[in-house]
Amino acid sequence: MKSSVKSRVLIITAIIAIFAAAGAILLLARSRGGENPAPQLAATETVTKTVTVPAANTTASVPGQGHQRSDVPQVSDLHSVDWPTMLGVAPDANSPGAQQKGFIESVNYHDFTGSGHNDQAIVQVRQVGSDATLDYYIFTISNGDLKALLQRTGISHGQVKLGPDGASLIETSPVYAAGEPNCCPSNLQNITWTWDSGSGSFVKSHTEIVPTPGVSQ
């Protein structure tokens, strides 16, 4: 009888030990993730996509003061060109951005090449500031492309006008003596630009220094 009781006690003790061990194992497994481990972060994949942009129909590159565009569409009429956008400047002195980018001072159309049509545009861009710097360009259309025949930039207090023959352009800029203020140079430099059909370009045909009208020498 005592032996039977002792056996039962041993069996119960063994069962309790088994359950205790199983519980310990279950707790350990849960603490490490168990059957439902914590989600892992997916690896990051870097994808480089190449985008091909169709080439523009033409390129009109105008150096000086950052006035250049590489996306000028083909044109058939100079009067339809959006000059402020093409040159990256303001339409006029009162427009936003004129202080930083300059502005279109004037656009005139003329026939320098003798074609019988006013198929060149003289575009003047003025910078805001004490130097009132002038940039100017003569554009034409060649095979649907806008082409600069002459480009002059960074002319302090510069002015341009047609020559007396109507076939040339005269560029005027001040020539200062020592100590003269911006307003009142004692002399002016006149450069005459004339179309040369042989080279297909404008050439400097004459340069002279003349006294400023109304300024005593």
N, C-alpha and C. Protein backbone atom coordinates (compact mmCIF):
# COMPACT_ATOMS: atom_id res chain seq x y z
N MET A 1 0.83 -1.19 0.00
CA MET A 1 0.00 0.00 0.00
C MET A 1 0.87 1.24 0.00
N LYS A 2 1.84 1.26 0.89
CA LYS A 2 2.75 2.39 0.95
C LYS A 2 3.51 2.53 -0.34
N SER A 3 3.89 1.40 -0.95
CA SER A 3 4.62 1.42 -2.23
C SER A 3 3.77 2.01 -3.33
N SER A 4 2.48 1.69 -3.32
CA SER A 4 1.56 2.21 -4.35
C SER A 4 1.39 3.72 -4.22
N VAL A 5 1.26 4.18 -3.01
CA VAL A 5 1.12 5.63 -2.77
C VAL A 5 2.39 6.36 -3.20
N LYS A 6 3.50 5.73 -2.90
CA LYS A 6 4.78 6.35 -3.24
C LYS A 6 4.95 6.47 -4.74
N SER A 7 4.48 5.45 -5.48
CA SER A 7 4.58 5.46 -6.94
C SER A 7 3.72 6.57 -7.53
N ARG A 8 2.50 6.72 -6.97
CA ARG A 8 1.60 7.77 -7.47
C ARG A 8 2.21 9.17 -7.24
N VAL A 9 2.84 9.33 -6.08
CA VAL A 9 3.46 10.62 -5.78
C VAL A 9 4.57 10.93 -6.78
N LEU A 10 5.34 9.89 -7.10
CA LEU A 10 6.44 10.08 -8.05
C LEU A 10 5.91 10.45 -9.44
N ILE A 11 4.80 9.76 -9.82
CA ILE A 11 4.21 10.04 -11.15
C ILE A 11 3.69 11.46 -11.21
N ILE A 12 2.97 11.89 -10.16
CA ILE A 12 2.42 13.26 -10.14
C ILE A 12 3.54 14.29 -10.17
N THR A 13 4.60 13.99 -9.39
CA THR A 13 5.74 14.90 -9.36
C THR A 13 6.38 15.03 -10.74
N ALA A 14 6.50 13.90 -11.46
CA ALA A 14 7.10 13.89 -12.81
C ALA A 14 6.24 14.69 -13.78
N ILE A 15 4.91 14.50 -13.66
CA ILE A 15 3.99 15.23 -14.55
C ILE A 15 4.11 16.73 -14.32
N ILE A 16 4.14 17.13 -13.03
CA ILE A 16 4.28 18.56 -12.70
C ILE A 16 5.58 19.11 -13.26
N ALA A 17 6.67 18.31 -13.15
CA ALA A 17 7.97 18.75 -13.66
C ALA A 17 7.92 18.93 -15.17
N ILE A 18 7.21 17.99 -15.85
CA ILE A 18 7.10 18.08 -17.33
C ILE A 18 6.36 19.35 -17.73
N PHE A 19 5.19 19.61 -17.04
CA PHE A 19 4.42 20.82 -17.36
C PHE A 19 5.22 22.08 -17.06
N ALA A 20 5.98 22.07 -15.98
CA ALA A 20 6.79 23.24 -15.62
C ALA A 20 7.85 23.50 -16.68
N ALA A 21 8.48 22.39 -17.14
CA ALA A 21 9.51 22.54 -18.18
C ALA A 21 8.90 23.05 -19.47
N ALA A 22 7.70 22.52 -19.83
CA ALA A 22 7.03 22.95 -21.06
C ALA A 22 6.66 24.43 -20.98
N GLY A 23 6.20 24.87 -19.80
CA GLY A 23 5.85 26.28 -19.62
C GLY A 23 7.05 27.19 -19.76
N ALA A 24 8.17 26.72 -19.20
CA ALA A 24 9.39 27.52 -19.29
C ALA A 24 9.84 27.65 -20.74
N ILE A 25 9.74 26.53 -21.48
CA ILE A 25 10.14 26.55 -22.89
C ILE A 25 9.24 27.50 -23.69
N LEU A 26 7.90 27.46 -23.39
CA LEU A 26 6.95 28.32 -24.10
C LEU A 26 7.24 29.79 -23.82
N LEU A 27 7.50 30.12 -22.55
CA LEU A 27 7.83 31.51 -22.21
C LEU A 27 9.10 31.98 -22.91
N LEU A 28 10.10 31.11 -22.96
CA LEU A 28 11.36 31.46 -23.62
C LEU A 28 11.14 31.70 -25.11
N ALA A 29 10.30 30.84 -25.71
CA ALA A 29 10.04 30.97 -27.15
C ALA A 29 9.32 32.28 -27.46
N ARG A 30 8.34 32.63 -26.62
CA ARG A 30 7.60 33.88 -26.85
C ARG A 30 8.49 35.10 -26.68
N SER A 31 9.41 35.02 -25.70
CA SER A 31 10.30 36.16 -25.48
C SER A 31 11.22 36.38 -26.67
N ARG A 32 11.48 35.33 -27.47
CA ARG A 32 12.37 35.44 -28.64
C ARG A 32 11.60 35.57 -29.96
N GLY A 33 10.30 35.66 -29.86
CA GLY A 33 9.51 35.82 -31.08
C GLY A 33 8.58 34.68 -31.29
N GLY A 34 8.95 33.50 -30.82
CA GLY A 34 8.09 32.32 -30.88
C GLY A 34 7.63 32.02 -32.28
N GLU A 35 6.33 31.67 -32.35
CA GLU A 35 5.79 31.27 -33.64
C GLU A 35 5.49 32.47 -34.52
N ASN A 36 5.43 33.68 -33.92
CA ASN A 36 5.13 34.89 -34.69
C ASN A 36 6.25 35.90 -34.48
N PRO A 37 7.38 35.76 -35.15
CA PRO A 37 8.51 36.67 -34.97
C PRO A 37 8.16 38.07 -35.42
N ALA A 38 8.85 39.08 -34.83
CA ALA A 38 8.62 40.47 -35.21
C ALA A 38 8.91 40.66 -36.68
N PRO A 39 8.09 41.50 -37.37
CA PRO A 39 8.30 41.71 -38.80
C PRO A 39 9.64 42.39 -39.06
N GLN A 40 10.30 41.95 -40.11
CA GLN A 40 11.59 42.50 -40.47
C GLN A 40 11.42 43.58 -41.53
N LEU A 41 12.28 44.64 -41.51
CA LEU A 41 12.22 45.69 -42.51
C LEU A 41 12.73 45.15 -43.84
N ALA A 42 11.97 45.43 -44.88
CA ALA A 42 12.38 44.96 -46.21
C ALA A 42 13.59 45.75 -46.67
N ALA A 43 14.43 45.13 -47.45
CA ALA A 43 15.61 45.80 -47.98
C ALA A 43 15.17 46.91 -48.94
N THR A 44 15.87 48.06 -48.90
CA THR A 44 15.53 49.18 -49.77
C THR A 44 16.21 49.01 -51.12
N GLU A 45 15.40 49.16 -52.17
CA GLU A 45 15.94 49.01 -53.53
C GLU A 45 15.97 50.38 -54.20
N THR A 46 17.12 50.76 -54.71
CA THR A 46 17.27 52.03 -55.40
C THR A 46 17.14 51.80 -56.90
N VAL A 47 16.20 52.54 -57.51
CA VAL A 47 15.96 52.38 -58.94
C VAL A 47 16.31 53.68 -59.63
N THR A 48 17.17 53.65 -60.59
CA THR A 48 17.54 54.81 -61.37
C THR A 48 16.81 54.77 -62.70
N LYS A 49 16.02 55.83 -62.96
CA LYS A 49 15.24 55.88 -64.18
C LYS A 49 15.83 56.93 -65.12
N THR A 50 16.09 56.54 -66.32
CA THR A 50 16.63 57.45 -67.31
C THR A 50 15.51 58.00 -68.16
N VAL A 51 15.40 59.34 -68.20
CA VAL A 51 14.36 59.99 -68.99
C VAL A 51 15.02 60.66 -70.19
N THR A 52 14.56 60.35 -71.35
CA THR A 52 15.09 60.93 -72.57
C THR A 52 14.21 62.10 -72.99
N VAL A 53 14.82 63.27 -73.12
CA VAL A 53 14.09 64.46 -73.52
C VAL A 53 14.38 64.73 -74.99
N PRO A 54 13.34 64.87 -75.81
CA PRO A 54 13.58 65.14 -77.22
C PRO A 54 14.36 66.43 -77.41
N ALA A 55 15.25 66.44 -78.37
CA ALA A 55 16.06 67.62 -78.63
C ALA A 55 15.19 68.75 -79.17
N ALA A 56 15.58 69.98 -78.82
CA ALA A 56 14.82 71.13 -79.32
C ALA A 56 15.05 71.28 -80.81
N ASN A 57 14.14 71.99 -81.46
CA ASN A 57 14.25 72.18 -82.89
C ASN A 57 15.47 73.00 -83.28
N THR A 58 15.83 73.95 -82.42
CA THR A 58 16.98 74.79 -82.72
C THR A 58 17.54 75.34 -81.43
N THR A 59 18.74 75.86 -81.50
CA THR A 59 19.37 76.46 -80.33
C THR A 59 19.79 77.88 -80.66
N ALA A 60 19.36 78.82 -79.84
CA ALA A 60 19.80 80.20 -79.98
C ALA A 60 20.59 80.53 -78.73
N SER A 61 21.89 80.61 -78.86
CA SER A 61 22.75 80.88 -77.71
C SER A 61 23.24 82.31 -77.78
N VAL A 62 22.93 83.07 -76.74
CA VAL A 62 23.30 84.48 -76.70
C VAL A 62 24.14 84.71 -75.46
N PRO A 63 25.46 84.86 -75.60
CA PRO A 63 26.31 85.04 -74.42
C PRO A 63 26.15 86.41 -73.80
N GLY A 64 26.56 86.52 -72.54
CA GLY A 64 26.53 87.81 -71.86
C GLY A 64 25.32 87.97 -70.96
N GLN A 65 25.53 88.29 -69.70
CA GLN A 65 24.46 88.56 -68.75
C GLN A 65 23.51 87.38 -68.57
N GLY A 66 23.92 86.19 -68.97
CA GLY A 66 23.06 85.03 -68.80
C GLY A 66 21.88 84.99 -69.74
N HIS A 67 21.88 85.82 -70.78
CA HIS A 67 20.75 85.85 -71.71
C HIS A 67 20.92 84.73 -72.73
N GLN A 68 20.40 83.57 -72.44
CA GLN A 68 20.47 82.49 -73.41
C GLN A 68 19.37 81.48 -73.16
N ARG A 69 18.91 80.91 -74.25
CA ARG A 69 17.89 79.88 -74.19
C ARG A 69 18.29 78.76 -75.13
N SER A 70 18.01 77.52 -74.75
CA SER A 70 18.33 76.38 -75.59
C SER A 70 17.07 75.64 -76.03
N ASP A 71 15.91 76.27 -75.87
CA ASP A 71 14.67 75.60 -76.22
C ASP A 71 13.79 76.49 -77.09
N VAL A 72 14.43 77.26 -77.99
CA VAL A 72 13.69 78.17 -78.84
C VAL A 72 13.02 77.39 -79.97
N PRO A 73 11.71 77.47 -80.09
CA PRO A 73 11.05 76.73 -81.16
C PRO A 73 11.33 77.34 -82.52
N GLN A 74 11.09 76.60 -83.58
CA GLN A 74 11.25 77.14 -84.92
C GLN A 74 10.23 78.25 -85.13
N VAL A 75 10.68 79.27 -85.83
CA VAL A 75 9.82 80.43 -86.06
C VAL A 75 9.84 80.80 -87.53
N SER A 76 8.78 81.44 -87.98
CA SER A 76 8.70 81.90 -89.36
C SER A 76 8.55 83.41 -89.45
N ASP A 77 8.30 84.07 -88.31
CA ASP A 77 8.08 85.51 -88.30
C ASP A 77 8.74 86.10 -87.06
N LEU A 78 9.66 87.04 -87.28
CA LEU A 78 10.35 87.67 -86.14
C LEU A 78 9.38 88.37 -85.20
N HIS A 79 8.27 88.86 -85.74
CA HIS A 79 7.31 89.59 -84.91
C HIS A 79 6.60 88.67 -83.91
N SER A 80 6.68 87.37 -84.13
CA SER A 80 6.00 86.44 -83.23
C SER A 80 6.89 85.94 -82.10
N VAL A 81 8.16 86.34 -82.11
CA VAL A 81 9.10 85.86 -81.08
C VAL A 81 8.81 86.54 -79.74
N ASP A 82 8.76 85.76 -78.70
CA ASP A 82 8.61 86.28 -77.33
C ASP A 82 10.01 86.65 -76.83
N TRP A 83 10.44 87.86 -77.10
CA TRP A 83 11.82 88.27 -76.79
C TRP A 83 12.15 88.21 -75.30
N PRO A 84 11.30 88.69 -74.39
CA PRO A 84 11.65 88.60 -72.97
C PRO A 84 11.90 87.17 -72.52
N THR A 85 11.03 86.25 -72.96
CA THR A 85 11.21 84.85 -72.57
C THR A 85 12.46 84.26 -73.21
N MET A 86 12.67 84.55 -74.47
CA MET A 86 13.82 83.99 -75.18
C MET A 86 15.15 84.45 -74.56
N LEU A 87 15.21 85.73 -74.16
CA LEU A 87 16.44 86.28 -73.60
C LEU A 87 16.49 86.19 -72.08
N GLY A 88 15.39 85.77 -71.45
CA GLY A 88 15.38 85.61 -70.00
C GLY A 88 15.39 86.92 -69.25
N VAL A 89 14.71 87.94 -69.80
CA VAL A 89 14.67 89.24 -69.15
C VAL A 89 13.21 89.68 -68.97
N ALA A 90 13.02 90.84 -68.34
CA ALA A 90 11.68 91.37 -68.12
C ALA A 90 11.19 92.11 -69.37
N PRO A 91 9.88 92.16 -69.57
CA PRO A 91 9.34 92.86 -70.76
C PRO A 91 9.65 94.35 -70.77
N ASP A 92 9.65 94.99 -69.60
CA ASP A 92 9.93 96.43 -69.53
C ASP A 92 10.47 96.77 -68.15
N ALA A 93 10.81 98.04 -67.97
CA ALA A 93 11.48 98.47 -66.73
C ALA A 93 10.60 98.33 -65.51
N ASN A 94 9.29 98.31 -65.69
CA ASN A 94 8.37 98.25 -64.55
C ASN A 94 7.91 96.84 -64.22
N SER A 95 8.39 95.85 -64.96
CA SER A 95 7.96 94.47 -64.74
C SER A 95 8.74 93.83 -63.60
N PRO A 96 8.13 92.86 -62.91
CA PRO A 96 8.86 92.12 -61.86
C PRO A 96 10.11 91.46 -62.44
N GLY A 97 11.19 91.54 -61.73
CA GLY A 97 12.43 90.92 -62.17
C GLY A 97 13.33 91.83 -62.98
N ALA A 98 12.85 93.04 -63.33
CA ALA A 98 13.67 93.94 -64.14
C ALA A 98 14.97 94.33 -63.42
N GLN A 99 14.89 94.48 -62.09
CA GLN A 99 16.08 94.87 -61.32
C GLN A 99 17.17 93.81 -61.39
N GLN A 100 16.76 92.54 -61.42
CA GLN A 100 17.75 91.46 -61.40
C GLN A 100 18.16 91.00 -62.79
N LYS A 101 17.22 91.01 -63.72
CA LYS A 101 17.49 90.40 -65.03
C LYS A 101 17.64 91.39 -66.17
N GLY A 102 17.33 92.67 -65.93
CA GLY A 102 17.31 93.60 -67.04
C GLY A 102 15.96 93.54 -67.74
N PHE A 103 15.77 94.39 -68.75
CA PHE A 103 14.47 94.43 -69.41
C PHE A 103 14.64 94.80 -70.88
N ILE A 104 13.63 94.48 -71.68
CA ILE A 104 13.63 94.83 -73.09
C ILE A 104 13.41 96.34 -73.21
N GLU A 105 14.41 97.04 -73.73
CA GLU A 105 14.28 98.49 -73.91
C GLU A 105 13.59 98.83 -75.23
N SER A 106 13.92 98.08 -76.28
CA SER A 106 13.27 98.32 -77.56
C SER A 106 13.51 97.14 -78.49
N VAL A 107 12.60 96.99 -79.43
CA VAL A 107 12.75 96.02 -80.51
C VAL A 107 12.37 96.72 -81.81
N ASN A 108 13.29 96.75 -82.78
CA ASN A 108 13.04 97.39 -84.07
C ASN A 108 13.40 96.42 -85.19
N TYR A 109 12.72 96.56 -86.30
CA TYR A 109 12.92 95.66 -87.44
C TYR A 109 13.47 96.46 -88.62
N HIS A 110 14.47 95.87 -89.29
CA HIS A 110 15.17 96.61 -90.34
C HIS A 110 15.73 95.63 -91.38
N ASP A 111 16.06 96.20 -92.52
CA ASP A 111 16.68 95.43 -93.60
C ASP A 111 18.14 95.87 -93.75
N PHE A 112 19.05 95.12 -93.13
CA PHE A 112 20.47 95.41 -93.27
C PHE A 112 21.10 94.67 -94.45
N THR A 113 20.51 93.58 -94.84
CA THR A 113 21.13 92.69 -95.83
C THR A 113 20.73 92.99 -97.27
N GLY A 114 19.79 93.91 -97.45
CA GLY A 114 19.37 94.25 -98.81
C GLY A 114 18.40 93.27 -99.42
N SER A 115 17.69 92.55 -98.58
CA SER A 115 16.73 91.56 -99.09
C SER A 115 15.44 92.20 -99.58
N GLY A 116 15.21 93.46 -99.22
CA GLY A 116 13.97 94.11 -99.56
C GLY A 116 12.88 93.94 -98.51
N HIS A 117 13.21 93.25 -97.41
CA HIS A 117 12.26 93.03 -96.32
C HIS A 117 12.93 93.35 -94.99
N ASN A 118 12.14 93.83 -94.04
CA ASN A 118 12.68 94.10 -92.71
C ASN A 118 12.79 92.78 -91.94
N ASP A 119 13.75 91.96 -92.33
CA ASP A 119 13.85 90.62 -91.75
C ASP A 119 15.00 90.47 -90.77
N GLN A 120 15.42 91.59 -90.16
CA GLN A 120 16.32 91.54 -89.01
C GLN A 120 15.68 92.33 -87.86
N ALA A 121 15.87 91.82 -86.65
CA ALA A 121 15.33 92.48 -85.46
C ALA A 121 16.49 92.98 -84.60
N ILE A 122 16.43 94.26 -84.23
CA ILE A 122 17.42 94.85 -83.31
C ILE A 122 16.78 94.86 -81.93
N VAL A 123 17.29 94.02 -81.04
CA VAL A 123 16.71 93.87 -79.70
C VAL A 123 17.69 94.46 -78.69
N GLN A 124 17.21 95.46 -77.93
CA GLN A 124 18.05 96.09 -76.92
C GLN A 124 17.59 95.70 -75.52
N VAL A 125 18.54 95.30 -74.69
CA VAL A 125 18.28 94.92 -73.30
C VAL A 125 19.06 95.86 -72.39
N ARG A 126 18.35 96.50 -71.47
CA ARG A 126 18.98 97.46 -70.56
C ARG A 126 19.03 96.88 -69.15
N GLN A 127 20.19 97.04 -68.51
CA GLN A 127 20.34 96.63 -67.12
C GLN A 127 20.02 97.80 -66.20
N VAL A 128 19.36 97.51 -65.08
CA VAL A 128 19.03 98.55 -64.11
C VAL A 128 20.23 98.77 -63.20
N GLY A 129 20.61 100.02 -63.02
CA GLY A 129 21.75 100.32 -62.15
C GLY A 129 22.45 101.58 -62.60
N SER A 130 23.48 101.97 -61.88
CA SER A 130 24.18 103.22 -62.17
C SER A 130 24.88 103.19 -63.52
N ASP A 131 25.29 102.00 -63.98
CA ASP A 131 25.96 101.90 -65.28
C ASP A 131 24.98 101.83 -66.45
N ALA A 132 23.71 101.51 -66.16
CA ALA A 132 22.69 101.40 -67.22
C ALA A 132 23.24 100.61 -68.40
N THR A 133 23.83 99.46 -68.12
CA THR A 133 24.51 98.67 -69.14
C THR A 133 23.57 98.24 -70.25
N LEU A 134 24.06 98.29 -71.48
CA LEU A 134 23.27 97.90 -72.65
C LEU A 134 23.81 96.61 -73.25
N ASP A 135 22.91 95.68 -73.53
CA ASP A 135 23.20 94.52 -74.38
C ASP A 135 22.29 94.65 -75.59
N TYR A 136 22.82 94.41 -76.78
CA TYR A 136 21.93 94.44 -77.94
C TYR A 136 22.31 93.36 -78.93
N TYR A 137 21.32 92.93 -79.70
CA TYR A 137 21.46 91.80 -80.62
C TYR A 137 20.74 92.11 -81.92
N ILE A 138 21.26 91.59 -83.01
CA ILE A 138 20.55 91.63 -84.29
C ILE A 138 20.25 90.19 -84.66
N PHE A 139 18.96 89.86 -84.73
CA PHE A 139 18.51 88.51 -85.04
C PHE A 139 17.89 88.45 -86.43
N THR A 140 17.97 87.29 -87.02
CA THR A 140 17.25 87.00 -88.25
C THR A 140 16.74 85.58 -88.17
N ILE A 141 16.00 85.16 -89.18
CA ILE A 141 15.53 83.78 -89.25
C ILE A 141 16.23 83.09 -90.41
N SER A 142 16.82 81.95 -90.14
CA SER A 142 17.51 81.18 -91.17
C SER A 142 17.01 79.75 -91.12
N ASN A 143 16.29 79.33 -92.18
CA ASN A 143 15.73 77.98 -92.26
C ASN A 143 14.87 77.63 -91.04
N GLY A 144 14.11 78.62 -90.60
CA GLY A 144 13.23 78.40 -89.46
C GLY A 144 13.90 78.53 -88.12
N ASP A 145 15.21 78.77 -88.10
CA ASP A 145 15.95 78.93 -86.85
C ASP A 145 16.21 80.41 -86.58
N LEU A 146 16.12 80.78 -85.32
CA LEU A 146 16.46 82.14 -84.91
C LEU A 146 17.98 82.24 -84.80
N LYS A 147 18.57 83.19 -85.52
CA LYS A 147 20.03 83.28 -85.59
C LYS A 147 20.48 84.69 -85.22
N ALA A 148 21.48 84.80 -84.36
CA ALA A 148 22.05 86.09 -83.97
C ALA A 148 23.15 86.46 -84.96
N LEU A 149 22.96 87.57 -85.68
CA LEU A 149 23.96 88.06 -86.62
C LEU A 149 24.99 88.94 -85.93
N LEU A 150 24.57 89.60 -84.85
CA LEU A 150 25.47 90.45 -84.07
C LEU A 150 25.01 90.44 -82.64
N GLN A 151 25.95 90.37 -81.71
CA GLN A 151 25.61 90.38 -80.29
C GLN A 151 26.69 91.17 -79.53
N ARG A 152 26.24 92.22 -78.85
CA ARG A 152 27.14 93.09 -78.12
C ARG A 152 26.60 93.25 -76.70
N THR A 153 27.44 93.01 -75.71
CA THR A 153 26.96 93.01 -74.33
C THR A 153 27.87 93.83 -73.42
N GLY A 154 27.28 94.28 -72.31
CA GLY A 154 28.06 94.95 -71.26
C GLY A 154 28.55 96.33 -71.62
N ILE A 155 27.78 97.10 -72.41
CA ILE A 155 28.20 98.44 -72.82
C ILE A 155 27.63 99.46 -71.84
N SER A 156 28.49 100.04 -71.02
CA SER A 156 28.04 100.99 -70.01
C SER A 156 27.44 102.23 -70.68
N HIS A 157 26.19 102.56 -70.30
CA HIS A 157 25.49 103.72 -70.85
C HIS A 157 25.47 103.70 -72.38
N GLY A 158 25.43 102.53 -72.95
CA GLY A 158 25.48 102.41 -74.40
C GLY A 158 24.18 102.83 -75.08
N GLN A 159 24.32 103.22 -76.34
CA GLN A 159 23.19 103.57 -77.18
C GLN A 159 23.47 103.04 -78.59
N VAL A 160 22.41 102.72 -79.32
CA VAL A 160 22.57 102.32 -80.72
C VAL A 160 21.54 103.05 -81.57
N LYS A 161 21.91 103.33 -82.82
CA LYS A 161 20.99 103.96 -83.76
C LYS A 161 21.41 103.57 -85.17
N LEU A 162 20.50 103.73 -86.12
CA LEU A 162 20.81 103.45 -87.51
C LEU A 162 21.78 104.49 -88.05
N GLY A 163 22.67 104.04 -88.92
CA GLY A 163 23.58 104.97 -89.58
C GLY A 163 22.84 105.80 -90.61
N PRO A 164 23.44 106.89 -91.05
CA PRO A 164 22.78 107.77 -92.03
C PRO A 164 22.49 107.08 -93.36
N ASP A 165 23.23 106.03 -93.67
CA ASP A 165 22.98 105.32 -94.93
C ASP A 165 21.84 104.32 -94.81
N GLY A 166 21.35 104.08 -93.59
CA GLY A 166 20.26 103.14 -93.38
C GLY A 166 20.67 101.69 -93.48
N ALA A 167 21.94 101.43 -93.75
CA ALA A 167 22.41 100.05 -93.91
C ALA A 167 23.43 99.66 -92.85
N SER A 168 23.64 100.54 -91.87
CA SER A 168 24.62 100.26 -90.82
C SER A 168 24.02 100.63 -89.47
N LEU A 169 24.73 100.24 -88.43
CA LEU A 169 24.29 100.51 -87.06
C LEU A 169 25.43 101.19 -86.32
N ILE A 170 25.13 102.26 -85.60
CA ILE A 170 26.16 102.99 -84.86
C ILE A 170 25.96 102.76 -83.37
N GLU A 171 26.99 102.22 -82.75
CA GLU A 171 26.99 101.97 -81.30
C GLU A 171 27.78 103.08 -80.61
N THR A 172 27.15 103.72 -79.64
CA THR A 172 27.78 104.84 -78.94
C THR A 172 27.96 104.51 -77.47
N SER A 173 29.14 104.81 -76.93
CA SER A 173 29.41 104.61 -75.50
C SER A 173 30.28 105.75 -75.00
N PRO A 174 30.20 106.08 -73.72
CA PRO A 174 30.96 107.22 -73.18
C PRO A 174 32.45 106.90 -73.02
N VAL A 175 33.24 107.94 -73.16
CA VAL A 175 34.68 107.84 -72.88
C VAL A 175 34.96 108.88 -71.80
N TYR A 176 35.31 108.42 -70.60
CA TYR A 176 35.45 109.32 -69.46
C TYR A 176 36.90 109.75 -69.25
N ALA A 177 37.05 111.01 -68.96
CA ALA A 177 38.34 111.50 -68.46
C ALA A 177 38.37 111.28 -66.95
N ALA A 178 39.54 111.42 -66.37
CA ALA A 178 39.68 111.17 -64.93
C ALA A 178 38.77 112.09 -64.13
N GLY A 179 37.99 111.47 -63.21
CA GLY A 179 37.14 112.23 -62.31
C GLY A 179 35.79 112.62 -62.87
N GLU A 180 35.49 112.27 -64.10
CA GLU A 180 34.20 112.65 -64.68
C GLU A 180 33.08 111.75 -64.16
N PRO A 181 31.93 112.32 -63.84
CA PRO A 181 30.80 111.53 -63.35
C PRO A 181 30.13 110.77 -64.50
N ASN A 182 29.32 109.77 -64.12
CA ASN A 182 28.65 108.95 -65.13
C ASN A 182 27.79 109.76 -66.09
N CYS A 183 27.25 110.84 -65.58
CA CYS A 183 26.31 111.61 -66.40
C CYS A 183 26.97 112.42 -67.50
N CYS A 184 28.25 112.73 -67.31
CA CYS A 184 28.82 113.78 -68.15
C CYS A 184 30.21 113.43 -68.69
N PRO A 185 30.29 112.45 -69.59
CA PRO A 185 31.59 112.16 -70.20
C PRO A 185 31.99 113.27 -71.17
N SER A 186 33.24 113.52 -71.28
CA SER A 186 33.70 114.58 -72.19
C SER A 186 33.73 114.11 -73.64
N ASN A 187 33.81 112.79 -73.83
CA ASN A 187 33.88 112.27 -75.20
C ASN A 187 32.99 111.03 -75.35
N LEU A 188 32.67 110.73 -76.59
CA LEU A 188 31.90 109.53 -76.93
C LEU A 188 32.66 108.73 -77.98
N GLN A 189 32.51 107.42 -77.88
CA GLN A 189 33.07 106.54 -78.90
C GLN A 189 31.94 106.03 -79.79
N ASN A 190 32.09 106.18 -81.07
CA ASN A 190 31.11 105.67 -82.03
C ASN A 190 31.73 104.53 -82.83
N ILE A 191 31.08 103.37 -82.79
CA ILE A 191 31.51 102.22 -83.59
C ILE A 191 30.43 101.94 -84.61
N THR A 192 30.80 101.89 -85.87
CA THR A 192 29.85 101.61 -86.94
C THR A 192 29.96 100.14 -87.34
N TRP A 193 28.82 99.45 -87.29
CA TRP A 193 28.74 98.05 -87.70
C TRP A 193 27.98 97.98 -89.02
N THR A 194 28.60 97.33 -90.00
CA THR A 194 28.01 97.25 -91.34
C THR A 194 27.93 95.81 -91.78
N TRP A 195 26.83 95.48 -92.46
CA TRP A 195 26.65 94.11 -92.97
C TRP A 195 27.59 93.86 -94.13
N ASP A 196 28.34 92.77 -94.05
CA ASP A 196 29.25 92.37 -95.11
C ASP A 196 28.71 91.10 -95.75
N SER A 197 28.19 91.21 -96.96
CA SER A 197 27.57 90.06 -97.62
C SER A 197 28.59 88.98 -97.94
N GLY A 198 29.85 89.37 -98.14
CA GLY A 198 30.87 88.38 -98.46
C GLY A 198 31.10 87.39 -97.33
N SER A 199 31.20 87.91 -96.08
CA SER A 199 31.43 87.04 -94.93
C SER A 199 30.13 86.61 -94.28
N GLY A 200 29.01 87.27 -94.69
CA GLY A 200 27.73 86.93 -94.08
C GLY A 200 27.66 87.32 -92.62
N SER A 201 28.28 88.46 -92.28
CA SER A 201 28.30 88.90 -90.89
C SER A 201 28.44 90.41 -90.83
N PHE A 202 28.23 90.97 -89.63
CA PHE A 202 28.47 92.39 -89.41
C PHE A 202 29.94 92.60 -89.10
N VAL A 203 30.51 93.64 -89.68
CA VAL A 203 31.92 93.96 -89.43
C VAL A 203 32.02 95.38 -88.89
N LYS A 204 33.09 95.61 -88.12
CA LYS A 204 33.33 96.94 -87.57
C LYS A 204 33.98 97.77 -88.68
N SER A 205 33.20 98.66 -89.27
CA SER A 205 33.69 99.40 -90.43
C SER A 205 34.31 100.75 -90.08
N HIS A 206 34.00 101.27 -88.89
CA HIS A 206 34.53 102.59 -88.55
C HIS A 206 34.43 102.79 -87.04
N THR A 207 35.48 103.41 -86.47
CA THR A 207 35.49 103.78 -85.05
C THR A 207 36.04 105.20 -84.92
N GLU A 208 35.38 106.01 -84.11
CA GLU A 208 35.85 107.37 -83.89
C GLU A 208 35.51 107.84 -82.48
N ILE A 209 36.31 108.76 -81.98
CA ILE A 209 36.08 109.42 -80.70
C ILE A 209 35.69 110.87 -81.01
N VAL A 210 34.53 111.27 -80.49
CA VAL A 210 34.04 112.63 -80.76
C VAL A 210 33.67 113.30 -79.44
N PRO A 211 33.72 114.63 -79.40
CA PRO A 211 33.31 115.35 -78.18
C PRO A 211 31.82 115.14 -77.92
N THR A 212 31.47 115.07 -76.64
CA THR A 212 30.06 114.96 -76.28
C THR A 212 29.36 116.28 -76.54
N PRO A 213 28.27 116.25 -77.32
CA PRO A 213 27.57 117.52 -77.60
C PRO A 213 27.11 118.19 -76.31
N GLY A 214 27.36 119.49 -76.24
CA GLY A 214 26.89 120.26 -75.09
C GLY A 214 27.78 120.21 -73.87
N VAL A 215 28.90 119.47 -73.93
CA VAL A 215 29.82 119.38 -72.80
C VAL A 215 31.08 120.16 -73.17
N SER A 216 31.42 121.14 -72.35
CA SER A 216 32.60 121.96 -72.63
C SER A 216 33.86 121.13 -72.44
N GLN A 217 34.82 121.34 -73.30
CA GLN A 217 36.07 120.57 -73.27
C GLN A 217 37.09 121.25 -72.37
